[in-house]
């Protein structure tokens, strides 16, 4: 390998440009660059050229990182960034291999999902929120915000849409005559066409009437804080209405997980993979395992012999 090129791997320039060309999220790009800087410092302490690091050196990096108490999941994130960098070097002709490509720690101890919501519970959450009386809104702006949030909640509950996906949906992606919506693809999910629930049609029609003709995006707002506020509101309202018997509403991700697991009880795994926008079948299979773990949790809680 050319020694001169080893002195300047250009972490902050060409590699960053390479990541952006792959349409990664800004936070993901920053994460990859930060992880590589850490690995670069580790190699420097060992007087090792990180561009040429081999499999055995990566194993030593893992061993030392584990010894410092870093979790397996965090180490796998580091390894993914290193793999991305070597992938970049391979495409640039700087390396002819990627020793980090299939190097991951197993048994990362993925947290078991709890408080999964049934289809009926999700229906009740949506209906209760959507049917708030008009007199409860003091201003017209509050009424319009509620209508927008009803549409957002419907997409989360009935289509299992992720927060990041909500940002990319345009008005033209809706086909109300056929009762469908197109969810654009992203770096993390595949594009798909999903059926709308009958309860969503009228709120969507009403919401579209309130948006400007120049607005291409379906939601002209900062989605993340809106979804966070919506989940907080739902949690408080549910606790007030149901008290100690309510199932906790935590976040949009919890609702999406519940939706996917409910789908798996009704459809085959390939159908659910498409509906969820999973690029790999393994992502869908993990939800089947979560379903079994949740079932075991319920058995442990309510078994008559306990």
C-alpha atoms as a PDB file:
ATOM      1  CA  UNK A   1       0.000   0.000   0.000  1.00  0.00           C
ATOM      2  CA  UNK A   2       1.220   3.521  -0.776  1.00  0.00           C
ATOM      3  CA  UNK A   3       2.875   4.875   2.399  1.00  0.00           C
ATOM      4  CA  UNK A   4       2.218   8.513   1.476  1.00  0.00           C
ATOM      5  CA  UNK A   5      -1.521   7.919   1.290  1.00  0.00           C
ATOM      6  CA  UNK A   6      -1.455   6.338   4.762  1.00  0.00           C
ATOM      7  CA  UNK A   7      -0.618   9.675   6.346  1.00  0.00           C
ATOM      8  CA  UNK A   8      -3.814  11.348   5.218  1.00  0.00           C
ATOM      9  CA  UNK A   9      -6.962   9.205   5.296  1.00  0.00           C
ATOM     10  CA  UNK A  10      -9.034  12.396   5.192  1.00  0.00           C
ATOM     11  CA  UNK A  11     -11.593  11.535   7.880  1.00  0.00           C
ATOM     12  CA  UNK A  12     -13.037  15.026   7.824  1.00  0.00           C
ATOM     13  CA  UNK A  13     -13.130  15.399   4.051  1.00  0.00           C
ATOM     14  CA  UNK A  14     -13.543  12.592   1.557  1.00  0.00           C
ATOM     15  CA  UNK A  15     -14.890  10.057   4.062  1.00  0.00           C
ATOM     16  CA  UNK A  16     -17.474  12.548   5.270  1.00  0.00           C
ATOM     17  CA  UNK A  17     -18.414  13.286   1.668  1.00  0.00           C
ATOM     18  CA  UNK A  18     -18.705   9.535   1.037  1.00  0.00           C
ATOM     19  CA  UNK A  19     -21.120   9.163   3.968  1.00  0.00           C
ATOM     20  CA  UNK A  20     -23.264  12.041   2.775  1.00  0.00           C
ATOM     21  CA  UNK A  21     -23.405  10.608  -0.736  1.00  0.00           C
ATOM     22  CA  UNK A  22     -24.959   7.512   0.837  1.00  0.00           C
ATOM     23  CA  UNK A  23     -27.752   9.770   2.111  1.00  0.00           C
ATOM     24  CA  UNK A  24     -27.153   9.046   5.789  1.00  0.00           C
ATOM     25  CA  UNK A  25     -28.776  11.192   8.437  1.00  0.00           C
ATOM     26  CA  UNK A  26     -26.695  14.063   9.824  1.00  0.00           C
ATOM     27  CA  UNK A  27     -26.524  12.456  13.270  1.00  0.00           C
ATOM     28  CA  UNK A  28     -25.353   9.174  11.704  1.00  0.00           C
ATOM     29  CA  UNK A  29     -22.582  10.935   9.765  1.00  0.00           C
ATOM     30  CA  UNK A  30     -21.364  12.660  12.937  1.00  0.00           C
ATOM     31  CA  UNK A  31     -21.491   9.366  14.819  1.00  0.00           C
ATOM     32  CA  UNK A  32     -19.352   7.552  12.216  1.00  0.00           C
ATOM     33  CA  UNK A  33     -16.770  10.363  12.209  1.00  0.00           C
ATOM     34  CA  UNK A  34     -16.583  10.469  16.020  1.00  0.00           C
ATOM     35  CA  UNK A  35     -16.213   6.686  16.266  1.00  0.00           C
ATOM     36  CA  UNK A  36     -13.400   6.735  13.726  1.00  0.00           C
ATOM     37  CA  UNK A  37     -11.601   9.489  15.638  1.00  0.00           C
ATOM     38  CA  UNK A  38     -11.728   7.316  18.761  1.00  0.00           C
ATOM     39  CA  UNK A  39     -10.365   4.341  16.846  1.00  0.00           C
ATOM     40  CA  UNK A  40      -7.673   6.550  15.321  1.00  0.00           C
ATOM     41  CA  UNK A  41      -6.527   7.675  18.801  1.00  0.00           C
ATOM     42  CA  UNK A  42      -6.510   4.081  20.042  1.00  0.00           C
ATOM     43  CA  UNK A  43      -4.291   3.033  17.121  1.00  0.00           C
ATOM     44  CA  UNK A  44      -1.981   5.983  17.674  1.00  0.00           C
ATOM     45  CA  UNK A  45      -1.374   4.935  21.306  1.00  0.00           C
ATOM     46  CA  UNK A  46      -0.404   1.474  20.065  1.00  0.00           C
ATOM     47  CA  UNK A  47       1.780   2.963  17.326  1.00  0.00           C
ATOM     48  CA  UNK A  48      -0.478   1.273  14.765  1.00  0.00           C
ATOM     49  CA  UNK A  49      -1.574   2.702  11.429  1.00  0.00           C
ATOM     50  CA  UNK A  50      -5.366   2.554  11.602  1.00  0.00           C
ATOM     51  CA  UNK A  51      -5.709   2.485   7.813  1.00  0.00           C
ATOM     52  CA  UNK A  52      -3.903  -0.859   7.763  1.00  0.00           C
ATOM     53  CA  UNK A  53      -5.430  -2.358  10.927  1.00  0.00           C
ATOM     54  CA  UNK A  54      -6.103  -6.070  10.540  1.00  0.00           C
ATOM     55  CA  UNK A  55      -8.552  -8.522  12.077  1.00  0.00           C
ATOM     56  CA  UNK A  56      -6.336  -9.343  15.076  1.00  0.00           C
ATOM     57  CA  UNK A  57      -5.861  -5.663  15.897  1.00  0.00           C
ATOM     58  CA  UNK A  58      -9.610  -5.168  15.776  1.00  0.00           C
ATOM     59  CA  UNK A  59     -10.019  -8.047  18.213  1.00  0.00           C
ATOM     60  CA  UNK A  60      -7.546  -6.354  20.545  1.00  0.00           C
ATOM     61  CA  UNK A  61      -9.503  -3.105  20.211  1.00  0.00           C
ATOM     62  CA  UNK A  62     -12.663  -4.988  21.215  1.00  0.00           C
ATOM     63  CA  UNK A  63     -10.913  -6.659  24.172  1.00  0.00           C
ATOM     64  CA  UNK A  64      -9.561  -3.391  25.568  1.00  0.00           C
ATOM     65  CA  UNK A  65     -12.842  -1.569  25.011  1.00  0.00           C
ATOM     66  CA  UNK A  66     -14.767  -4.305  26.807  1.00  0.00           C
ATOM     67  CA  UNK A  67     -12.255  -4.132  29.680  1.00  0.00           C
ATOM     68  CA  UNK A  68     -13.194  -0.451  30.145  1.00  0.00           C
ATOM     69  CA  UNK A  69     -16.810  -1.483  30.699  1.00  0.00           C
ATOM     70  CA  UNK A  70     -18.192  -0.370  27.326  1.00  0.00           C
ATOM     71  CA  UNK A  71     -21.362  -2.294  26.434  1.00  0.00           C
ATOM     72  CA  UNK A  72     -21.497  -4.794  23.589  1.00  0.00           C
ATOM     73  CA  UNK A  73     -24.090  -2.732  21.734  1.00  0.00           C
ATOM     74  CA  UNK A  74     -21.847   0.366  21.876  1.00  0.00           C
ATOM     75  CA  UNK A  75     -18.869  -1.630  20.631  1.00  0.00           C
ATOM     76  CA  UNK A  76     -20.944  -2.896  17.721  1.00  0.00           C
ATOM     77  CA  UNK A  77     -21.772   0.697  16.838  1.00  0.00           C
ATOM     78  CA  UNK A  78     -18.024   1.474  16.805  1.00  0.00           C
ATOM     79  CA  UNK A  79     -17.363  -1.587  14.640  1.00  0.00           C
ATOM     80  CA  UNK A  80     -20.063  -0.517  12.209  1.00  0.00           C
ATOM     81  CA  UNK A  81     -18.355   2.868  11.799  1.00  0.00           C
ATOM     82  CA  UNK A  82     -14.967   1.221  11.300  1.00  0.00           C
ATOM     83  CA  UNK A  83     -16.516  -1.095   8.727  1.00  0.00           C
ATOM     84  CA  UNK A  84     -17.979   1.908   6.896  1.00  0.00           C
ATOM     85  CA  UNK A  85     -14.531   3.513   6.777  1.00  0.00           C
ATOM     86  CA  UNK A  86     -12.836   0.404   5.415  1.00  0.00           C
ATOM     87  CA  UNK A  87     -15.662   0.049   2.923  1.00  0.00           C
ATOM     88  CA  UNK A  88     -14.831   3.581   1.781  1.00  0.00           C
ATOM     89  CA  UNK A  89     -11.090   2.751   1.551  1.00  0.00           C
ATOM     90  CA  UNK A  90     -11.885  -0.368  -0.468  1.00  0.00           C
ATOM     91  CA  UNK A  91     -13.910   1.619  -2.983  1.00  0.00           C
ATOM     92  CA  UNK A  92     -11.053   4.153  -3.191  1.00  0.00           C
ATOM     93  CA  UNK A  93      -8.528   1.367  -3.845  1.00  0.00           C
ATOM     94  CA  UNK A  94      -6.724   2.043  -0.537  1.00  0.00           C
ATOM     95  CA  UNK A  95      -7.503  -1.460   0.765  1.00  0.00           C
ATOM     96  CA  UNK A  96      -8.542  -4.719  -0.776  1.00  0.00           C
ATOM     97  CA  UNK A  97     -10.350  -6.063   2.290  1.00  0.00           C
ATOM     98  CA  UNK A  98     -12.655  -4.998   5.109  1.00  0.00           C
ATOM     99  CA  UNK A  99     -11.741  -6.898   8.314  1.00  0.00           C
ATOM    100  CA  UNK A 100     -14.594  -5.265  10.235  1.00  0.00           C
ATOM    101  CA  UNK A 101     -17.336  -6.206   7.757  1.00  0.00           C
ATOM    102  CA  UNK A 102     -18.697  -9.244   9.630  1.00  0.00           C
ATOM    103  CA  UNK A 103     -17.086  -8.551  13.011  1.00  0.00           C
ATOM    104  CA  UNK A 104     -19.793  -8.017  15.626  1.00  0.00           C
ATOM    105  CA  UNK A 105     -20.352  -9.073  19.208  1.00  0.00           C
ATOM    106  CA  UNK A 106     -23.309 -11.388  19.738  1.00  0.00           C
ATOM    107  CA  UNK A 107     -25.836 -11.476  22.554  1.00  0.00           C
ATOM    108  CA  UNK A 108     -26.023  -7.721  22.995  1.00  0.00           C
ATOM    109  CA  UNK A 109     -28.884  -8.142  25.431  1.00  0.00           C
ATOM    110  CA  UNK A 110     -31.559  -6.309  23.462  1.00  0.00           C
ATOM    111  CA  UNK A 111     -34.117  -4.968  25.915  1.00  0.00           C
ATOM    112  CA  UNK A 112     -37.395  -6.863  25.935  1.00  0.00           C
ATOM    113  CA  UNK A 113     -40.318  -4.709  24.867  1.00  0.00           C
ATOM    114  CA  UNK A 114     -42.923  -4.226  27.548  1.00  0.00           C
ATOM    115  CA  UNK A 115     -46.336  -2.598  27.639  1.00  0.00           C
ATOM    116  CA  UNK A 116     -47.244  -3.788  24.149  1.00  0.00           C
ATOM    117  CA  UNK A 117     -50.656  -2.557  23.073  1.00  0.00           C
ATOM    118  CA  UNK A 118     -53.342  -4.732  21.512  1.00  0.00           C
ATOM    119  CA  UNK A 119     -55.190  -3.764  18.340  1.00  0.00           C
ATOM    120  CA  UNK A 120     -58.247  -2.884  20.429  1.00  0.00           C
ATOM    121  CA  UNK A 121     -56.224  -0.677  22.771  1.00  0.00           C
ATOM    122  CA  UNK A 122     -54.672   1.146  19.829  1.00  0.00           C
ATOM    123  CA  UNK A 123     -58.138   1.681  18.334  1.00  0.00           C
ATOM    124  CA  UNK A 124     -59.374   3.107  21.628  1.00  0.00           C
ATOM    125  CA  UNK A 125     -56.399   5.469  21.873  1.00  0.00           C
ATOM    126  CA  UNK A 126     -57.018   6.816  18.370  1.00  0.00           C
ATOM    127  CA  UNK A 127     -60.812   7.107  18.745  1.00  0.00           C
ATOM    128  CA  UNK A 128     -60.559   8.855  22.097  1.00  0.00           C
ATOM    129  CA  UNK A 129     -58.105  11.438  20.758  1.00  0.00           C
ATOM    130  CA  UNK A 130     -59.785  11.980  17.387  1.00  0.00           C
ATOM    131  CA  UNK A 131     -63.265  12.486  18.878  1.00  0.00           C
ATOM    132  CA  UNK A 132     -62.475  15.369  21.181  1.00  0.00           C
ATOM    133  CA  UNK A 133     -65.443  17.808  21.144  1.00  0.00           C
ATOM    134  CA  UNK A 134     -64.984  21.119  19.322  1.00  0.00           C
ATOM    135  CA  UNK A 135     -65.854  23.124  22.440  1.00  0.00           C
ATOM    136  CA  UNK A 136     -62.638  21.847  24.066  1.00  0.00           C
ATOM    137  CA  UNK A 137     -60.569  24.016  21.687  1.00  0.00           C
ATOM    138  CA  UNK A 138     -60.337  27.644  22.727  1.00  0.00           C
ATOM    139  CA  UNK A 139     -58.871  28.880  19.437  1.00  0.00           C
ATOM    140  CA  UNK A 140     -59.094  27.945  15.764  1.00  0.00           C
ATOM    141  CA  UNK A 141     -55.337  27.321  15.714  1.00  0.00           C
ATOM    142  CA  UNK A 142     -55.728  24.729  18.479  1.00  0.00           C
ATOM    143  CA  UNK A 143     -58.448  23.013  16.475  1.00  0.00           C
ATOM    144  CA  UNK A 144     -56.225  22.872  13.376  1.00  0.00           C
ATOM    145  CA  UNK A 145     -53.294  21.527  15.391  1.00  0.00           C
ATOM    146  CA  UNK A 146     -55.527  18.812  16.816  1.00  0.00           C
ATOM    147  CA  UNK A 147     -56.681  17.862  13.314  1.00  0.00           C
ATOM    148  CA  UNK A 148     -53.067  17.624  12.123  1.00  0.00           C
ATOM    149  CA  UNK A 149     -52.127  15.556  15.182  1.00  0.00           C
ATOM    150  CA  UNK A 150     -55.078  13.241  14.574  1.00  0.00           C
ATOM    151  CA  UNK A 151     -53.753  12.527  11.076  1.00  0.00           C
ATOM    152  CA  UNK A 152     -50.254  11.920  12.482  1.00  0.00           C
ATOM    153  CA  UNK A 153     -51.582   9.611  15.197  1.00  0.00           C
ATOM    154  CA  UNK A 154     -53.611   7.663  12.637  1.00  0.00           C
ATOM    155  CA  UNK A 155     -50.527   7.054  10.494  1.00  0.00           C
ATOM    156  CA  UNK A 156     -48.572   5.865  13.539  1.00  0.00           C
ATOM    157  CA  UNK A 157     -51.340   3.580  14.822  1.00  0.00           C
ATOM    158  CA  UNK A 158     -52.737   2.144  11.576  1.00  0.00           C
ATOM    159  CA  UNK A 159     -49.666   2.159   9.311  1.00  0.00           C
ATOM    160  CA  UNK A 160     -46.920   1.910  11.951  1.00  0.00           C
ATOM    161  CA  UNK A 161     -45.077   4.829  10.360  1.00  0.00           C
ATOM    162  CA  UNK A 162     -41.860   6.009  11.995  1.00  0.00           C
ATOM    163  CA  UNK A 163     -41.354   9.627  13.033  1.00  0.00           C
ATOM    164  CA  UNK A 164     -38.590  10.154  10.454  1.00  0.00           C
ATOM    165  CA  UNK A 165     -40.859   8.834   7.701  1.00  0.00           C
ATOM    166  CA  UNK A 166     -43.582  11.339   8.555  1.00  0.00           C
ATOM    167  CA  UNK A 167     -41.211  14.124   7.484  1.00  0.00           C
ATOM    168  CA  UNK A 168     -40.927  12.769   3.926  1.00  0.00           C
ATOM    169  CA  UNK A 169     -44.599  12.215   3.108  1.00  0.00           C
ATOM    170  CA  UNK A 170     -46.024  14.562   0.493  1.00  0.00           C
ATOM    171  CA  UNK A 171     -49.650  15.288  -0.360  1.00  0.00           C
ATOM    172  CA  UNK A 172     -49.256  13.501  -3.693  1.00  0.00           C
ATOM    173  CA  UNK A 173     -48.426  10.296  -1.799  1.00  0.00           C
ATOM    174  CA  UNK A 174     -52.061  10.105  -0.703  1.00  0.00           C
ATOM    175  CA  UNK A 175     -54.657   8.395  -2.895  1.00  0.00           C
ATOM    176  CA  UNK A 176     -57.926   8.881  -1.058  1.00  0.00           C
ATOM    177  CA  UNK A 177     -59.985   7.389  -3.896  1.00  0.00           C
ATOM    178  CA  UNK A 178     -58.156   4.090  -3.508  1.00  0.00           C
ATOM    179  CA  UNK A 179     -57.661   4.586   0.215  1.00  0.00           C
ATOM    180  CA  UNK A 180     -53.874   4.205   0.139  1.00  0.00           C
ATOM    181  CA  UNK A 181     -50.724   6.080   1.086  1.00  0.00           C
ATOM    182  CA  UNK A 182     -47.200   5.724  -0.284  1.00  0.00           C
ATOM    183  CA  UNK A 183     -44.371   5.797   2.253  1.00  0.00           C
ATOM    184  CA  UNK A 184     -41.095   6.892   0.571  1.00  0.00           C
ATOM    185  CA  UNK A 185     -37.951   4.848   1.093  1.00  0.00           C
ATOM    186  CA  UNK A 186     -35.075   6.072   3.258  1.00  0.00           C
ATOM    187  CA  UNK A 187     -31.626   4.863   4.251  1.00  0.00           C
ATOM    188  CA  UNK A 188     -33.256   2.779   6.985  1.00  0.00           C
ATOM    189  CA  UNK A 189     -36.555   1.694   5.473  1.00  0.00           C
ATOM    190  CA  UNK A 190     -38.024   0.504   2.193  1.00  0.00           C
ATOM    191  CA  UNK A 191     -40.785   2.309   0.330  1.00  0.00           C
ATOM    192  CA  UNK A 192     -44.239   0.765   0.415  1.00  0.00           C
ATOM    193  CA  UNK A 193     -47.914   1.405  -0.323  1.00  0.00           C
ATOM    194  CA  UNK A 194     -50.257   0.829   2.606  1.00  0.00           C
ATOM    195  CA  UNK A 195     -54.016   0.832   2.982  1.00  0.00           C
ATOM    196  CA  UNK A 196     -55.632   3.584   5.011  1.00  0.00           C
ATOM    197  CA  UNK A 197     -58.137   2.712   7.705  1.00  0.00           C
ATOM    198  CA  UNK A 198     -61.660   3.970   7.018  1.00  0.00           C
ATOM    199  CA  UNK A 199     -61.484   6.104  10.176  1.00  0.00           C
ATOM    200  CA  UNK A 200     -58.560   8.062   8.716  1.00  0.00           C
ATOM    201  CA  UNK A 201     -60.192   9.254   5.498  1.00  0.00           C
ATOM    202  CA  UNK A 202     -62.400  12.082   6.799  1.00  0.00           C
ATOM    203  CA  UNK A 203     -59.750  13.582   9.153  1.00  0.00           C
ATOM    204  CA  UNK A 204     -57.230  13.522   6.290  1.00  0.00           C
ATOM    205  CA  UNK A 205     -59.711  15.232   3.936  1.00  0.00           C
ATOM    206  CA  UNK A 206     -60.467  17.895   6.537  1.00  0.00           C
ATOM    207  CA  UNK A 207     -56.781  18.409   7.251  1.00  0.00           C
ATOM    208  CA  UNK A 208     -55.921  18.825   3.562  1.00  0.00           C
ATOM    209  CA  UNK A 209     -58.526  21.597   3.325  1.00  0.00           C
ATOM    210  CA  UNK A 210     -56.633  23.560   5.994  1.00  0.00           C
ATOM    211  CA  UNK A 211     -53.217  23.369   4.278  1.00  0.00           C
ATOM    212  CA  UNK A 212     -51.992  25.885   1.722  1.00  0.00           C
ATOM    213  CA  UNK A 213     -51.862  25.042  -1.975  1.00  0.00           C
ATOM    214  CA  UNK A 214     -48.111  25.733  -2.049  1.00  0.00           C
ATOM    215  CA  UNK A 215     -47.428  23.199   0.692  1.00  0.00           C
ATOM    216  CA  UNK A 216     -46.019  20.030  -0.888  1.00  0.00           C
ATOM    217  CA  UNK A 217     -45.185  18.201   2.319  1.00  0.00           C
ATOM    218  CA  UNK A 218     -48.108  16.691   4.162  1.00  0.00           C
ATOM    219  CA  UNK A 219     -46.862  18.124   7.457  1.00  0.00           C
ATOM    220  CA  UNK A 220     -45.347  21.595   7.431  1.00  0.00           C
ATOM    221  CA  UNK A 221     -44.055  21.472  10.998  1.00  0.00           C
ATOM    222  CA  UNK A 222     -41.198  20.151  13.119  1.00  0.00           C
ATOM    223  CA  UNK A 223     -42.315  16.542  13.449  1.00  0.00           C
ATOM    224  CA  UNK A 224     -40.161  15.374  16.369  1.00  0.00           C
ATOM    225  CA  UNK A 225     -41.423  17.859  18.992  1.00  0.00           C
ATOM    226  CA  UNK A 226     -44.995  17.445  17.727  1.00  0.00           C
ATOM    227  CA  UNK A 227     -44.850  13.650  18.119  1.00  0.00           C
ATOM    228  CA  UNK A 228     -43.180  13.984  21.534  1.00  0.00           C
ATOM    229  CA  UNK A 229     -45.926  16.373  22.719  1.00  0.00           C
ATOM    230  CA  UNK A 230     -48.593  14.065  21.266  1.00  0.00           C
ATOM    231  CA  UNK A 231     -47.242  10.999  23.110  1.00  0.00           C
ATOM    232  CA  UNK A 232     -47.008  12.974  26.369  1.00  0.00           C
ATOM    233  CA  UNK A 233     -50.617  14.129  25.964  1.00  0.00           C
ATOM    234  CA  UNK A 234     -51.855  10.614  25.206  1.00  0.00           C
ATOM    235  CA  UNK A 235     -50.049   9.192  28.232  1.00  0.00           C
ATOM    236  CA  UNK A 236     -51.562  11.767  30.591  1.00  0.00           C
ATOM    237  CA  UNK A 237     -55.065  11.405  29.144  1.00  0.00           C
ATOM    238  CA  UNK A 238     -54.912   7.614  29.269  1.00  0.00           C
ATOM    239  CA  UNK A 239     -53.709   7.590  32.879  1.00  0.00           C
ATOM    240  CA  UNK A 240     -56.451  10.034  33.860  1.00  0.00           C
ATOM    241  CA  UNK A 241     -59.170   8.014  32.127  1.00  0.00           C
ATOM    242  CA  UNK A 242     -58.059   4.507  33.140  1.00  0.00           C
ATOM    243  CA  UNK A 243     -56.023   5.039  36.287  1.00  0.00           C
ATOM    244  CA  UNK A 244     -53.938   2.115  37.467  1.00  0.00           C
ATOM    245  CA  UNK A 245     -55.604  -0.219  34.944  1.00  0.00           C
ATOM    246  CA  UNK A 246     -54.206   1.672  31.941  1.00  0.00           C
ATOM    247  CA  UNK A 247     -51.379   0.284  29.857  1.00  0.00           C
ATOM    248  CA  UNK A 248     -48.543   2.796  29.776  1.00  0.00           C
ATOM    249  CA  UNK A 249     -48.116   4.843  26.594  1.00  0.00           C
ATOM    250  CA  UNK A 250     -44.423   5.663  26.384  1.00  0.00           C
ATOM    251  CA  UNK A 251     -43.438   6.743  22.880  1.00  0.00           C
ATOM    252  CA  UNK A 252     -44.187   6.409  19.184  1.00  0.00           C
ATOM    253  CA  UNK A 253     -41.671   3.559  18.910  1.00  0.00           C
ATOM    254  CA  UNK A 254     -43.689   1.543  21.423  1.00  0.00           C
ATOM    255  CA  UNK A 255     -46.819   1.997  19.301  1.00  0.00           C
ATOM    256  CA  UNK A 256     -44.957   0.978  16.122  1.00  0.00           C
ATOM    257  CA  UNK A 257     -43.625  -2.159  17.841  1.00  0.00           C
ATOM    258  CA  UNK A 258     -47.144  -3.017  19.001  1.00  0.00           C
ATOM    259  CA  UNK A 259     -48.508  -2.514  15.485  1.00  0.00           C
ATOM    260  CA  UNK A 260     -45.869  -4.773  13.927  1.00  0.00           C
ATOM    261  CA  UNK A 261     -46.408  -7.530  16.488  1.00  0.00           C
ATOM    262  CA  UNK A 262     -50.178  -7.317  15.966  1.00  0.00           C
ATOM    263  CA  UNK A 263     -49.580  -7.604  12.204  1.00  0.00           C
ATOM    264  CA  UNK A 264     -47.485 -10.728  12.752  1.00  0.00           C
ATOM    265  CA  UNK A 265     -50.481 -12.343  14.438  1.00  0.00           C
ATOM    266  CA  UNK A 266     -52.587 -11.726  11.323  1.00  0.00           C
ATOM    267  CA  UNK A 267     -50.221 -11.924   8.318  1.00  0.00           C
ATOM    268  CA  UNK A 268     -47.244 -13.962   7.164  1.00  0.00           C
ATOM    269  CA  UNK A 269     -43.792 -12.630   7.934  1.00  0.00           C
ATOM    270  CA  UNK A 270     -43.035 -11.507   4.354  1.00  0.00           C
ATOM    271  CA  UNK A 271     -46.193  -9.401   4.267  1.00  0.00           C
ATOM    272  CA  UNK A 272     -45.251  -7.794   7.580  1.00  0.00           C
ATOM    273  CA  UNK A 273     -41.714  -7.145   6.349  1.00  0.00           C
ATOM    274  CA  UNK A 274     -43.193  -5.144   3.452  1.00  0.00           C
ATOM    275  CA  UNK A 275     -45.772  -3.332   5.596  1.00  0.00           C
ATOM    276  CA  UNK A 276     -43.163  -2.358   8.194  1.00  0.00           C
ATOM    277  CA  UNK A 277     -40.682  -1.189   5.553  1.00  0.00           C
ATOM    278  CA  UNK A 278     -37.978  -3.551   6.788  1.00  0.00           C
ATOM    279  CA  UNK A 279     -35.169  -3.960   4.271  1.00  0.00           C
ATOM    280  CA  UNK A 280     -34.072  -7.250   5.855  1.00  0.00           C
ATOM    281  CA  UNK A 281     -36.263 -10.139   7.015  1.00  0.00           C
ATOM    282  CA  UNK A 282     -34.133 -10.406  10.173  1.00  0.00           C
ATOM    283  CA  UNK A 283     -35.553  -7.085  11.369  1.00  0.00           C
ATOM    284  CA  UNK A 284     -39.059  -8.544  11.194  1.00  0.00           C
ATOM    285  CA  UNK A 285     -38.050 -11.833  12.798  1.00  0.00           C
ATOM    286  CA  UNK A 286     -36.838  -9.990  15.887  1.00  0.00           C
ATOM    287  CA  UNK A 287     -40.391  -8.826  16.513  1.00  0.00           C
ATOM    288  CA  UNK A 288     -41.591 -12.430  16.562  1.00  0.00           C
ATOM    289  CA  UNK A 289     -39.090 -13.099  19.328  1.00  0.00           C
ATOM    290  CA  UNK A 290     -40.249  -9.995  21.202  1.00  0.00           C
ATOM    291  CA  UNK A 291     -43.837 -11.296  20.966  1.00  0.00           C
ATOM    292  CA  UNK A 292     -42.829 -14.581  22.591  1.00  0.00           C
ATOM    293  CA  UNK A 293     -40.943 -12.749  25.327  1.00  0.00           C
ATOM    294  CA  UNK A 294     -43.938 -10.490  26.028  1.00  0.00           C
ATOM    295  CA  UNK A 295     -46.192 -13.550  26.215  1.00  0.00           C
ATOM    296  CA  UNK A 296     -43.824 -15.168  28.726  1.00  0.00           C
ATOM    297  CA  UNK A 297     -43.827 -11.949  30.756  1.00  0.00           C
ATOM    298  CA  UNK A 298     -47.624 -12.034  30.939  1.00  0.00           C
ATOM    299  CA  UNK A 299     -47.564 -15.692  31.969  1.00  0.00           C
ATOM    300  CA  UNK A 300     -45.070 -14.899  34.726  1.00  0.00           C
ATOM    301  CA  UNK A 301     -47.267 -12.048  35.989  1.00  0.00           C
ATOM    302  CA  UNK A 302     -50.637 -13.754  35.894  1.00  0.00           C
ATOM    303  CA  UNK A 303     -49.973 -17.496  36.191  1.00  0.00           C
ATOM    304  CA  UNK A 304     -52.581 -18.868  38.702  1.00  0.00           C
ATOM    305  CA  UNK A 305     -49.908 -20.886  40.552  1.00  0.00           C
ATOM    306  CA  UNK A 306     -47.786 -17.842  41.399  1.00  0.00           C
END
